[in-house]
Amino acid sequence: MQRSTDTNRIHLIRIPHDFELKGTKTIIRKEGYKLIIEPVKKRA
């Protein structure tokens, strides 16, 4: 379980190195109470 920090309405969450995503951009979305973080797929 990770602890989040609330700084001026911005939430910072440290993601363990084991969960590193490829690429430099991500999509963040909510599904109910879950926060889903996915890498942006490169266009072919």
C-alpha atoms as a PDB file:
ATOM      1  CA  MET A   1       0.000   0.000   0.000  1.00  0.00           C
ATOM      2  CA  GLN A   2       1.366   3.401  -0.976  1.00  0.00           C
ATOM      3  CA  ARG A   3       0.870   6.623   0.944  1.00  0.00           C
ATOM      4  CA  SER A   4      -0.146   9.680  -1.084  1.00  0.00           C
ATOM      5  CA  THR A   5       0.770  13.305  -0.424  1.00  0.00           C
ATOM      6  CA  ASP A   6      -1.746  16.097  -1.066  1.00  0.00           C
ATOM      7  CA  THR A   7       0.060  19.284  -2.132  1.00  0.00           C
ATOM      8  CA  ASN A   8      -2.237  22.134  -3.188  1.00  0.00           C
ATOM      9  CA  ARG A   9      -4.838  19.700  -4.574  1.00  0.00           C
ATOM     10  CA  ILE A  10      -2.205  17.705  -6.498  1.00  0.00           C
ATOM     11  CA  HIS A  11      -1.829  14.089  -5.355  1.00  0.00           C
ATOM     12  CA  LEU A  12       1.636  12.579  -5.608  1.00  0.00           C
ATOM     13  CA  ILE A  13       1.995   8.811  -5.532  1.00  0.00           C
ATOM     14  CA  ARG A  14       5.316   6.970  -5.611  1.00  0.00           C
ATOM     15  CA  ILE A  15       5.133   4.005  -7.944  1.00  0.00           C
ATOM     16  CA  PRO A  16       7.477   1.080  -7.174  1.00  0.00           C
ATOM     17  CA  HIS A  17      10.224   0.475  -9.742  1.00  0.00           C
ATOM     18  CA  ASP A  18       8.755  -2.985 -10.481  1.00  0.00           C
ATOM     19  CA  PHE A  19       5.695  -1.239 -12.004  1.00  0.00           C
ATOM     20  CA  GLU A  20       7.651   1.065 -14.327  1.00  0.00           C
ATOM     21  CA  LEU A  21       5.786   1.741 -17.592  1.00  0.00           C
ATOM     22  CA  LYS A  22       7.400   1.916 -21.028  1.00  0.00           C
ATOM     23  CA  GLY A  23       7.258   5.244 -22.855  1.00  0.00           C
ATOM     24  CA  THR A  24       6.987   8.797 -21.582  1.00  0.00           C
ATOM     25  CA  LYS A  25       3.217   9.400 -21.604  1.00  0.00           C
ATOM     26  CA  THR A  26       0.400   7.800 -19.643  1.00  0.00           C
ATOM     27  CA  ILE A  27      -3.388   7.864 -19.510  1.00  0.00           C
ATOM     28  CA  ILE A  28      -5.011   8.077 -16.069  1.00  0.00           C
ATOM     29  CA  ARG A  29      -8.687   7.159 -15.625  1.00  0.00           C
ATOM     30  CA  LYS A  30     -11.076   6.094 -12.885  1.00  0.00           C
ATOM     31  CA  GLU A  31     -13.209   2.963 -12.776  1.00  0.00           C
ATOM     32  CA  GLY A  32     -15.377   3.209  -9.683  1.00  0.00           C
ATOM     33  CA  TYR A  33     -12.927   3.530  -6.782  1.00  0.00           C
ATOM     34  CA  LYS A  34      -9.961   2.314  -8.859  1.00  0.00           C
ATOM     35  CA  LEU A  35      -7.370   4.574 -10.481  1.00  0.00           C
ATOM     36  CA  ILE A  36      -6.032   3.031 -13.707  1.00  0.00           C
ATOM     37  CA  ILE A  37      -2.673   4.183 -15.133  1.00  0.00           C
ATOM     38  CA  GLU A  38      -1.782   2.951 -18.642  1.00  0.00           C
ATOM     39  CA  PRO A  39       1.014   3.785 -21.087  1.00  0.00           C
ATOM     40  CA  VAL A  40      -0.006   5.598 -24.283  1.00  0.00           C
ATOM     41  CA  LYS A  41       0.398   3.256 -27.243  1.00  0.00           C
ATOM     42  CA  LYS A  42       2.549   4.515 -30.100  1.00  0.00           C
ATOM     43  CA  ARG A  43       0.789   4.970 -33.427  1.00  0.00           C
ATOM     44  CA  ALA A  44       1.778   2.576 -36.200  1.00  0.00           C
END
